[in-house]
PDB file of N, CA and C in Angstrom:
ATOM      1  N   UNK A   1     151.719 138.262 147.058  1.00  0.00           N
ATOM      2  CA  UNK A   1     150.815 139.290 146.563  1.00  0.00           C
ATOM      3  C   UNK A   1     151.374 139.940 145.292  1.00  0.00           C
ATOM      4  N   UNK A   2     152.663 140.237 145.312  1.00  0.00           N
ATOM      5  CA  UNK A   2     153.284 140.849 144.150  1.00  0.00           C
ATOM      6  C   UNK A   2     153.283 139.898 142.948  1.00  0.00           C
ATOM      7  N   UNK A   3     153.521 138.632 143.200  1.00  0.00           N
ATOM      8  CA  UNK A   3     153.517 137.638 142.122  1.00  0.00           C
ATOM      9  C   UNK A   3     152.134 137.519 141.498  1.00  0.00           C
ATOM     10  N   UNK A   4     151.091 137.573 142.313  1.00  0.00           N
ATOM     11  CA  UNK A   4     149.725 137.491 141.794  1.00  0.00           C
ATOM     12  C   UNK A   4     149.403 138.700 140.926  1.00  0.00           C
ATOM     13  N   UNK A   5     149.851 139.879 141.347  1.00  0.00           N
ATOM     14  CA  UNK A   5     149.608 141.091 140.562  1.00  0.00           C
ATOM     15  C   UNK A   5     150.340 141.023 139.223  1.00  0.00           C
ATOM     16  N   UNK A   6     151.553 140.480 139.217  1.00  0.00           N
ATOM     17  CA  UNK A   6     152.295 140.333 137.968  1.00  0.00           C
ATOM     18  C   UNK A   6     151.567 139.397 137.003  1.00  0.00           C
ATOM     19  N   UNK A   7     151.057 138.296 137.514  1.00  0.00           N
ATOM     20  CA  UNK A   7     150.365 137.336 136.657  1.00  0.00           C
ATOM     21  C   UNK A   7     149.051 137.896 136.127  1.00  0.00           C
ATOM     22  N   UNK A   8     148.331 138.617 136.964  1.00  0.00           N
ATOM     23  CA  UNK A   8     147.078 139.233 136.507  1.00  0.00           C
ATOM     24  C   UNK A   8     147.366 140.295 135.455  1.00  0.00           C
ATOM     25  N   UNK A   9     148.390 141.114 135.667  1.00  0.00           N
ATOM     26  CA  UNK A   9     148.752 142.146 134.695  1.00  0.00           C
ATOM     27  C   UNK A   9     149.192 141.554 133.368  1.00  0.00           C
ATOM     28  N   UNK A  10     149.970 140.481 133.430  1.00  0.00           N
ATOM     29  CA  UNK A  10     150.413 139.833 132.185  1.00  0.00           C
ATOM     30  C   UNK A  10     149.228 139.205 131.456  1.00  0.00           C
ATOM     31  N   UNK A  11     148.297 138.637 132.193  1.00  0.00           N
ATOM     32  CA  UNK A  11     147.100 138.081 131.564  1.00  0.00           C
ATOM     33  C   UNK A  11     146.265 139.148 130.899  1.00  0.00           C
ATOM     34  N   UNK A  12     146.137 140.293 131.552  1.00  0.00           N
ATOM     35  CA  UNK A  12     145.383 141.404 130.946  1.00  0.00           C
ATOM     36  C   UNK A  12     146.100 141.945 129.704  1.00  0.00           C
ATOM     37  N   UNK A  13     147.422 141.928 129.720  1.00  0.00           N
ATOM     38  CA  UNK A  13     148.176 142.430 128.568  1.00  0.00           C
ATOM     39  C   UNK A  13     148.021 141.526 127.352  1.00  0.00           C
ATOM     40  N   UNK A  14     147.749 140.251 127.562  1.00  0.00           N
ATOM     41  CA  UNK A  14     147.611 139.342 126.423  1.00  0.00           C
ATOM     42  C   UNK A  14     146.242 139.444 125.748  1.00  0.00           C
ATOM     43  N   UNK A  15     145.339 140.232 126.293  1.00  0.00           N
ATOM     44  CA  UNK A  15     144.045 140.436 125.628  1.00  0.00           C
ATOM     45  C   UNK A  15     144.257 141.081 124.261  1.00  0.00           C
ATOM     46  N   UNK A  16     145.309 141.884 124.142  1.00  0.00           N
ATOM     47  CA  UNK A  16     145.632 142.502 122.864  1.00  0.00           C
ATOM     48  C   UNK A  16     145.936 141.493 121.773  1.00  0.00           C
ATOM     49  N   UNK A  17     146.388 140.312 122.145  1.00  0.00           N
ATOM     50  CA  UNK A  17     146.667 139.275 121.149  1.00  0.00           C
ATOM     51  C   UNK A  17     145.380 138.766 120.514  1.00  0.00           C
ATOM     52  N   UNK A  18     144.320 138.674 121.288  1.00  0.00           N
ATOM     53  CA  UNK A  18     143.037 138.248 120.726  1.00  0.00           C
ATOM     54  C   UNK A  18     142.518 139.296 119.749  1.00  0.00           C
ATOM     55  N   UNK A  19     142.671 140.555 120.110  1.00  0.00           N
ATOM     56  CA  UNK A  19     142.253 141.626 119.213  1.00  0.00           C
ATOM     57  C   UNK A  19     143.043 141.636 117.917  1.00  0.00           C
ATOM     58  N   UNK A  20     144.320 141.321 118.003  1.00  0.00           N
ATOM     59  CA  UNK A  20     145.147 141.265 116.797  1.00  0.00           C
ATOM     60  C   UNK A  20     144.717 140.114 115.899  1.00  0.00           C
ATOM     61  N   UNK A  21     144.343 138.988 116.499  1.00  0.00           N
ATOM     62  CA  UNK A  21     143.851 137.867 115.700  1.00  0.00           C
ATOM     63  C   UNK A  21     142.582 138.225 114.943  1.00  0.00           C
ATOM     64  N   UNK A  22     141.696 138.926 115.599  1.00  0.00           N
ATOM     65  CA  UNK A  22     140.464 139.371 114.943  1.00  0.00           C
ATOM     66  C   UNK A  22     140.791 140.374 113.839  1.00  0.00           C
ATOM     67  N   UNK A  23     141.739 141.265 114.119  1.00  0.00           N
ATOM     68  CA  UNK A  23     142.118 142.272 113.124  1.00  0.00           C
ATOM     69  C   UNK A  23     142.737 141.656 111.881  1.00  0.00           C
ATOM     70  N   UNK A  24     143.575 140.652 112.057  1.00  0.00           N
ATOM     71  CA  UNK A  24     144.196 139.991 110.906  1.00  0.00           C
ATOM     72  C   UNK A  24     143.140 139.258 110.084  1.00  0.00           C
ATOM     73  N   UNK A  25     142.203 138.625 110.757  1.00  0.00           N
ATOM     74  CA  UNK A  25     141.111 137.966 110.040  1.00  0.00           C
ATOM     75  C   UNK A  25     140.270 138.956 109.254  1.00  0.00           C
ATOM     76  N   UNK A  26     140.042 140.111 109.833  1.00  0.00           N
ATOM     77  CA  UNK A  26     139.265 141.150 109.139  1.00  0.00           C
ATOM     78  C   UNK A  26     140.013 141.671 107.918  1.00  0.00           C
ATOM     79  N   UNK A  27     141.317 141.875 108.058  1.00  0.00           N
ATOM     80  CA  UNK A  27     142.118 142.389 106.940  1.00  0.00           C
ATOM     81  C   UNK A  27     142.056 141.431 105.752  1.00  0.00           C
ATOM     82  N   UNK A  28     142.299 140.151 106.002  1.00  0.00           N
ATOM     83  CA  UNK A  28     142.331 139.211 104.881  1.00  0.00           C
ATOM     84  C   UNK A  28     140.931 138.847 104.386  1.00  0.00           C
ATOM     85  N   UNK A  29     139.938 138.917 105.255  1.00  0.00           N
ATOM     86  CA  UNK A  29     138.562 138.738 104.794  1.00  0.00           C
ATOM     87  C   UNK A  29     138.148 139.853 103.853  1.00  0.00           C
ATOM     88  N   UNK A  30     138.550 141.072 104.187  1.00  0.00           N
ATOM     89  CA  UNK A  30     138.257 142.210 103.301  1.00  0.00           C
ATOM     90  C   UNK A  30     139.033 142.110 101.996  1.00  0.00           C
ATOM     91  N   UNK A  31     140.251 141.562 102.059  1.00  0.00           N
ATOM     92  CA  UNK A  31     141.029 141.354 100.824  1.00  0.00           C
ATOM     93  C   UNK A  31     140.301 140.391  99.897  1.00  0.00           C
ATOM     94  N   UNK A  32     139.806 139.304 100.438  1.00  0.00           N
ATOM     95  CA  UNK A  32     139.093 138.321  99.613  1.00  0.00           C
ATOM     96  C   UNK A  32     137.845 138.940  99.012  1.00  0.00           C
ATOM     97  N   UNK A  33     137.117 139.708  99.809  1.00  0.00           N
ATOM     98  CA  UNK A  33     135.910 140.373  99.304  1.00  0.00           C
ATOM     99  C   UNK A  33     136.247 141.372  98.203  1.00  0.00           C
ATOM    100  N   UNK A  34     137.299 142.164  98.429  1.00  0.00           N
ATOM    101  CA  UNK A  34     137.682 143.161  97.431  1.00  0.00           C
ATOM    102  C   UNK A  34     138.150 142.549  96.131  1.00  0.00           C
ATOM    103  N   UNK A  35     138.919 141.475  96.201  1.00  0.00           N
ATOM    104  CA  UNK A  35     139.416 140.822  94.986  1.00  0.00           C
ATOM    105  C   UNK A  35     138.271 140.140  94.249  1.00  0.00           C
ATOM    106  N   UNK A  36     137.326 139.571  94.989  1.00  0.00           N
ATOM    107  CA  UNK A  36     136.207 138.916  94.307  1.00  0.00           C
ATOM    108  C   UNK A  36     135.295 139.935  93.629  1.00  0.00           C
ATOM    109  N   UNK A  37     135.242 141.148  94.145  1.00  0.00           N
ATOM    110  CA  UNK A  37     134.416 142.186  93.501  1.00  0.00           C
ATOM    111  C   UNK A  37     135.125 142.833  92.315  1.00  0.00           C
ATOM    112  N   UNK A  38     136.464 142.964  92.403  1.00  0.00           N
ATOM    113  CA  UNK A  38     137.212 143.616  91.330  1.00  0.00           C
ATOM    114  C   UNK A  38     138.576 142.941  91.193  1.00  0.00           C
ATOM    115  N   UNK A  39     138.650 141.878  90.399  1.00  0.00           N
ATOM    116  CA  UNK A  39     139.915 141.136  90.268  1.00  0.00           C
ATOM    117  C   UNK A  39     141.051 141.953  89.648  1.00  0.00           C
ATOM    118  N   UNK A  40     140.725 143.016  88.952  1.00  0.00           N
ATOM    119  CA  UNK A  40     141.772 143.813  88.311  1.00  0.00           C
ATOM    120  C   UNK A  40     142.634 144.556  89.337  1.00  0.00           C
ATOM    121  N   UNK A  41     142.112 144.776  90.512  1.00  0.00           N
ATOM    122  CA  UNK A  41     142.854 145.498  91.549  1.00  0.00           C
ATOM    123  C   UNK A  41     143.568 144.570  92.528  1.00  0.00           C
ATOM    124  N   UNK A  42     143.794 143.337  92.135  1.00  0.00           N
ATOM    125  CA  UNK A  42     144.351 142.356  93.062  1.00  0.00           C
ATOM    126  C   UNK A  42     145.713 142.782  93.617  1.00  0.00           C
ATOM    127  N   UNK A  43     146.610 143.246  92.790  1.00  0.00           N
ATOM    128  CA  UNK A  43     147.950 143.620  93.243  1.00  0.00           C
ATOM    129  C   UNK A  43     147.898 144.799  94.216  1.00  0.00           C
ATOM    130  N   UNK A  44     147.095 145.806  93.901  1.00  0.00           N
ATOM    131  CA  UNK A  44     146.975 146.970  94.769  1.00  0.00           C
ATOM    132  C   UNK A  44     146.360 146.592  96.104  1.00  0.00           C
ATOM    133  N   UNK A  45     145.291 145.806  96.063  1.00  0.00           N
ATOM    134  CA  UNK A  45     144.637 145.398  97.301  1.00  0.00           C
ATOM    135  C   UNK A  45     145.540 144.509  98.146  1.00  0.00           C
ATOM    136  N   UNK A  46     146.343 143.670  97.491  1.00  0.00           N
ATOM    137  CA  UNK A  46     147.249 142.796  98.234  1.00  0.00           C
ATOM    138  C   UNK A  46     148.302 143.604  98.975  1.00  0.00           C
ATOM    139  N   UNK A  47     148.843 144.636  98.332  1.00  0.00           N
ATOM    140  CA  UNK A  47     149.834 145.492  98.988  1.00  0.00           C
ATOM    141  C   UNK A  47     149.242 146.182 100.209  1.00  0.00           C
ATOM    142  N   UNK A  48     148.028 146.684 100.065  1.00  0.00           N
ATOM    143  CA  UNK A  48     147.372 147.353 101.188  1.00  0.00           C
ATOM    144  C   UNK A  48     147.081 146.351 102.303  1.00  0.00           C
ATOM    145  N   UNK A  49     146.691 145.127 101.939  1.00  0.00           N
ATOM    146  CA  UNK A  49     146.401 144.108 102.947  1.00  0.00           C
ATOM    147  C   UNK A  49     147.666 143.715 103.703  1.00  0.00           C
ATOM    148  N   UNK A  50     148.786 143.621 103.025  1.00  0.00           N
ATOM    149  CA  UNK A  50     150.035 143.286 103.701  1.00  0.00           C
ATOM    150  C   UNK A  50     150.439 144.400 104.656  1.00  0.00           C
ATOM    151  N   UNK A  51     150.220 145.648 104.281  1.00  0.00           N
ATOM    152  CA  UNK A  51     150.490 146.764 105.182  1.00  0.00           C
ATOM    153  C   UNK A  51     149.583 146.682 106.412  1.00  0.00           C
ATOM    154  N   UNK A  52     148.313 146.406 106.199  1.00  0.00           N
ATOM    155  CA  UNK A  52     147.387 146.249 107.320  1.00  0.00           C
ATOM    156  C   UNK A  52     147.772 145.089 108.215  1.00  0.00           C
ATOM    157  N   UNK A  53     148.217 143.987 107.615  1.00  0.00           N
ATOM    158  CA  UNK A  53     148.676 142.838 108.395  1.00  0.00           C
ATOM    159  C   UNK A  53     149.881 143.207 109.251  1.00  0.00           C
ATOM    160  N   UNK A  54     150.835 143.917 108.666  1.00  0.00           N
ATOM    161  CA  UNK A  54     152.044 144.282 109.397  1.00  0.00           C
ATOM    162  C   UNK A  54     151.730 145.205 110.572  1.00  0.00           C
ATOM    163  N   UNK A  55     150.852 146.165 110.362  1.00  0.00           N
ATOM    164  CA  UNK A  55     150.502 147.082 111.448  1.00  0.00           C
ATOM    165  C   UNK A  55     149.727 146.370 112.550  1.00  0.00           C
ATOM    166  N   UNK A  56     148.842 145.457 112.174  1.00  0.00           N
ATOM    167  CA  UNK A  56     148.085 144.707 113.170  1.00  0.00           C
ATOM    168  C   UNK A  56     149.001 143.769 113.943  1.00  0.00           C
ATOM    169  N   UNK A  57     149.926 143.149 113.262  1.00  0.00           N
ATOM    170  CA  UNK A  57     150.857 142.246 113.922  1.00  0.00           C
ATOM    171  C   UNK A  57     151.791 143.015 114.853  1.00  0.00           C
ATOM    172  N   UNK A  58     152.119 144.256 114.507  1.00  0.00           N
ATOM    173  CA  UNK A  58     152.958 145.069 115.387  1.00  0.00           C
ATOM    174  C   UNK A  58     152.254 145.319 116.718  1.00  0.00           C
ATOM    175  N   UNK A  59     150.951 145.559 116.683  1.00  0.00           N
ATOM    176  CA  UNK A  59     150.199 145.753 117.918  1.00  0.00           C
ATOM    177  C   UNK A  59     150.246 144.484 118.761  1.00  0.00           C
ATOM    178  N   UNK A  60     150.142 143.324 118.118  1.00  0.00           N
ATOM    179  CA  UNK A  60     150.217 142.059 118.853  1.00  0.00           C
ATOM    180  C   UNK A  60     151.593 141.890 119.495  1.00  0.00           C
ATOM    181  N   UNK A  61     152.629 142.259 118.791  1.00  0.00           N
ATOM    182  CA  UNK A  61     153.970 142.143 119.362  1.00  0.00           C
ATOM    183  C   UNK A  61     154.180 143.099 120.529  1.00  0.00           C
ATOM    184  N   UNK A  62     153.587 144.296 120.447  1.00  0.00           N
ATOM    185  CA  UNK A  62     153.671 145.226 121.571  1.00  0.00           C
ATOM    186  C   UNK A  62     152.958 144.668 122.796  1.00  0.00           C
ATOM    187  N   UNK A  63     151.799 144.060 122.592  1.00  0.00           N
ATOM    188  CA  UNK A  63     151.061 143.467 123.710  1.00  0.00           C
ATOM    189  C   UNK A  63     151.849 142.318 124.320  1.00  0.00           C
ATOM    190  N   UNK A  64     152.449 141.492 123.489  1.00  0.00           N
ATOM    191  CA  UNK A  64     153.249 140.382 123.987  1.00  0.00           C
ATOM    192  C   UNK A  64     154.486 140.882 124.727  1.00  0.00           C
ATOM    193  N   UNK A  65     155.097 141.935 124.214  1.00  0.00           N
ATOM    194  CA  UNK A  65     156.255 142.519 124.870  1.00  0.00           C
ATOM    195  C   UNK A  65     155.878 143.050 126.253  1.00  0.00           C
ATOM    196  N   UNK A  66     154.726 143.700 126.361  1.00  0.00           N
ATOM    197  CA  UNK A  66     154.281 144.203 127.657  1.00  0.00           C
ATOM    198  C   UNK A  66     154.045 143.072 128.646  1.00  0.00           C
ATOM    199  N   UNK A  67     153.463 141.970 128.174  1.00  0.00           N
ATOM    200  CA  UNK A  67     153.227 140.829 129.050  1.00  0.00           C
ATOM    201  C   UNK A  67     154.550 140.270 129.559  1.00  0.00           C
ATOM    202  N   UNK A  68     155.537 140.125 128.687  1.00  0.00           N
ATOM    203  CA  UNK A  68     156.842 139.614 129.105  1.00  0.00           C
ATOM    204  C   UNK A  68     157.554 140.584 130.042  1.00  0.00           C
ATOM    205  N   UNK A  69     157.409 141.877 129.774  1.00  0.00           N
ATOM    206  CA  UNK A  69     158.018 142.850 130.679  1.00  0.00           C
ATOM    207  C   UNK A  69     157.407 142.745 132.078  1.00  0.00           C
ATOM    208  N   UNK A  70     156.104 142.604 132.134  1.00  0.00           N
ATOM    209  CA  UNK A  70     155.450 142.481 133.443  1.00  0.00           C
ATOM    210  C   UNK A  70     155.886 141.205 134.168  1.00  0.00           C
ATOM    211  N   UNK A  71     156.083 140.137 133.425  1.00  0.00           N
ATOM    212  CA  UNK A  71     156.440 138.881 134.055  1.00  0.00           C
ATOM    213  C   UNK A  71     157.897 138.814 134.512  1.00  0.00           C
ATOM    214  N   UNK A  72     158.793 139.305 133.691  1.00  0.00           N
ATOM    215  CA  UNK A  72     160.211 139.037 133.934  1.00  0.00           C
ATOM    216  C   UNK A  72     161.041 140.223 134.388  1.00  0.00           C
ATOM    217  N   UNK A  73     160.511 141.430 134.341  1.00  0.00           N
ATOM    218  CA  UNK A  73     161.314 142.585 134.728  1.00  0.00           C
ATOM    219  C   UNK A  73     160.909 143.091 136.112  1.00  0.00           C
ATOM    220  N   UNK A  74     159.640 143.224 136.361  1.00  0.00           N
ATOM    221  CA  UNK A  74     159.187 143.803 137.630  1.00  0.00           C
ATOM    222  C   UNK A  74     159.078 142.762 138.711  1.00  0.00           C
TER     223      UNK A  74
END
């Protein structure tokens, strides 16, 4: 019973990884749209997109860390 609860909890924790994938796609899709509308701002938009990518990827790493904690610690 405890093993089943651990596996279900870890599976639920990995849902955050799907959200992070969507978020990263949105960040870079918006970068492409912004650069195509105003190519002069490419460097500024790229810096902001990299910041958005890093923050979104951090959420994915937190979700993955929670899944591993549920599987291997408890």
